[in-house]
Amino acid sequence: MDQTAAPADPPPFYDAHVFVCCNRRQEGHPRGSCAASGSEALRDYMKRRAKQLGLGKVRVNLAGCLDRCELGPCLVIYPEGVWYKVTTEAEVDAVLERHVRDGGRVPELMLPAG
């Protein structure tokens, strides 16, 4: 058994990494899709708003299917791994301000575990 200590991980490049599901399924798919629910426009807004709030070490990315489209539009924030459903710009603001900027949570928008 190797007793060599693992090297320390480097510090995170971002304070928060937000993945917004922008998956698009065919019209009428039983699970729906986040893109058909407006996630692309919400992601674009979130990127602009994060800059306006001065959240420089935050990255907002488009994600392919996060496998929760029936609950969406959804996003996940790392390193915590907290999932949210956001449907309006006001909800995006709440997530950015309360979770990303202030380190809290927005319980009314959080998705249930698994």
Protein backbone atom coordinates (compact mmCIF):
# COMPACT_ATOMS: atom_id res chain seq x y z
CA MET A 1 0.00 0.00 0.00
CA ASP A 2 1.39 3.40 -1.03
CA GLN A 3 1.89 5.66 1.99
CA THR A 4 2.82 8.72 -0.07
CA ALA A 5 0.61 11.69 0.71
CA ALA A 6 -1.38 13.08 -2.18
CA PRO A 7 -0.31 16.57 -3.18
CA ALA A 8 -2.60 19.37 -2.09
CA ASP A 9 -5.17 20.45 -4.62
CA PRO A 10 -4.57 23.88 -6.13
CA PRO A 11 -7.01 26.59 -5.10
CA PRO A 12 -10.20 26.70 -7.19
CA PHE A 13 -9.99 28.84 -10.30
CA TYR A 14 -13.55 30.13 -9.71
CA ASP A 15 -15.36 30.89 -6.48
CA ALA A 16 -18.50 29.48 -8.08
CA HIS A 17 -19.20 27.67 -11.32
CA VAL A 18 -22.83 27.81 -12.49
CA PHE A 19 -24.04 25.34 -15.10
CA VAL A 20 -27.36 26.26 -16.72
CA CYS A 21 -29.07 23.44 -18.59
CA CYS A 22 -29.80 24.53 -22.16
CA ASN A 23 -30.70 21.09 -23.45
CA ARG A 24 -33.26 21.09 -26.25
CA ARG A 25 -35.32 17.99 -26.92
CA GLN A 26 -37.76 17.54 -29.75
CA GLU A 27 -41.10 19.29 -29.38
CA GLY A 28 -43.57 17.25 -27.37
CA HIS A 29 -40.96 15.11 -25.61
CA PRO A 30 -42.51 13.74 -22.39
CA ARG A 31 -39.63 15.06 -20.24
CA GLY A 32 -39.64 18.49 -21.85
CA SER A 33 -36.42 20.46 -22.08
CA CYS A 34 -34.88 23.35 -20.23
CA ALA A 35 -34.26 25.29 -23.45
CA ALA A 36 -37.93 25.04 -24.43
CA SER A 37 -38.69 26.47 -20.96
CA GLY A 38 -36.54 29.55 -21.55
CA SER A 39 -33.20 28.55 -20.05
CA GLU A 40 -31.09 30.04 -22.85
CA ALA A 41 -32.40 33.58 -22.27
CA LEU A 42 -32.09 33.10 -18.50
CA ARG A 43 -28.46 31.98 -18.89
CA ASP A 44 -27.68 35.02 -21.04
CA TYR A 45 -29.28 37.26 -18.43
CA MET A 46 -27.38 35.51 -15.62
CA LYS A 47 -24.06 36.12 -17.37
CA ARG A 48 -24.82 39.83 -17.79
CA ARG A 49 -26.16 40.18 -14.26
CA ALA A 50 -23.15 38.44 -12.69
CA LYS A 51 -20.91 41.04 -14.36
CA GLN A 52 -23.16 43.88 -13.19
CA LEU A 53 -22.91 42.56 -9.62
CA GLY A 54 -19.12 42.44 -9.89
CA LEU A 55 -18.94 38.66 -9.43
CA GLY A 56 -15.58 38.38 -11.15
CA LYS A 57 -14.57 34.91 -9.96
CA VAL A 58 -17.87 33.36 -11.03
CA ARG A 59 -18.36 31.47 -14.28
CA VAL A 60 -21.82 30.98 -15.79
CA ASN A 61 -21.78 28.23 -18.41
CA LEU A 62 -24.21 26.67 -20.81
CA ALA A 63 -24.61 22.99 -20.06
CA GLY A 64 -25.98 20.20 -22.13
CA CYS A 65 -28.51 17.91 -20.53
CA LEU A 66 -28.19 17.80 -16.74
CA ASP A 67 -30.89 15.05 -16.72
CA ARG A 68 -33.48 17.04 -14.75
CA CYS A 69 -35.29 18.84 -17.57
CA GLU A 70 -38.72 17.81 -16.33
CA LEU A 71 -38.02 20.00 -13.28
CA GLY A 72 -36.48 22.88 -15.19
CA PRO A 73 -35.27 25.19 -16.31
CA CYS A 74 -32.56 24.10 -13.91
CA LEU A 75 -29.02 24.97 -12.95
CA VAL A 76 -26.40 23.63 -10.58
CA ILE A 77 -23.77 25.60 -8.69
CA TYR A 78 -20.39 24.15 -7.80
CA PRO A 79 -18.42 23.60 -5.67
CA GLU A 80 -21.49 23.06 -3.44
CA GLY A 81 -23.53 21.08 -5.95
CA VAL A 82 -26.76 22.94 -5.14
CA TRP A 83 -29.53 22.67 -7.74
CA TYR A 84 -32.10 25.37 -8.51
CA LYS A 85 -35.11 25.84 -10.75
CA VAL A 86 -35.23 29.37 -12.14
CA THR A 87 -37.99 30.66 -14.40
CA THR A 88 -37.66 34.45 -14.17
CA GLU A 89 -34.97 37.10 -14.10
CA ALA A 90 -36.00 37.92 -10.51
CA GLU A 91 -35.25 34.31 -9.54
CA VAL A 92 -31.87 34.51 -11.28
CA ASP A 93 -31.16 37.67 -9.27
CA ALA A 94 -32.09 35.88 -6.05
CA VAL A 95 -29.72 32.98 -6.79
CA LEU A 96 -26.86 35.26 -7.80
CA GLU A 97 -27.28 37.60 -4.85
CA ARG A 98 -28.21 35.23 -2.04
CA HIS A 99 -26.25 32.10 -3.01
CA VAL A 100 -23.32 33.17 -5.17
CA ARG A 101 -22.56 36.61 -3.73
CA ASP A 102 -23.68 36.20 -0.11
CA GLY A 103 -23.00 32.48 0.41
CA GLY A 104 -26.55 31.67 1.50
CA ARG A 105 -29.23 29.64 -0.19
CA VAL A 106 -32.58 30.28 -1.88
CA PRO A 107 -34.61 27.40 -0.40
CA GLU A 108 -37.81 28.22 -2.27
CA LEU A 109 -36.02 27.66 -5.60
CA MET A 110 -33.90 24.63 -4.64
CA LEU A 111 -34.61 21.33 -6.39
CA PRO A 112 -35.05 18.23 -4.26
CA ALA A 113 -32.20 15.76 -4.02
CA GLY A 114 -32.09 13.00 -6.64
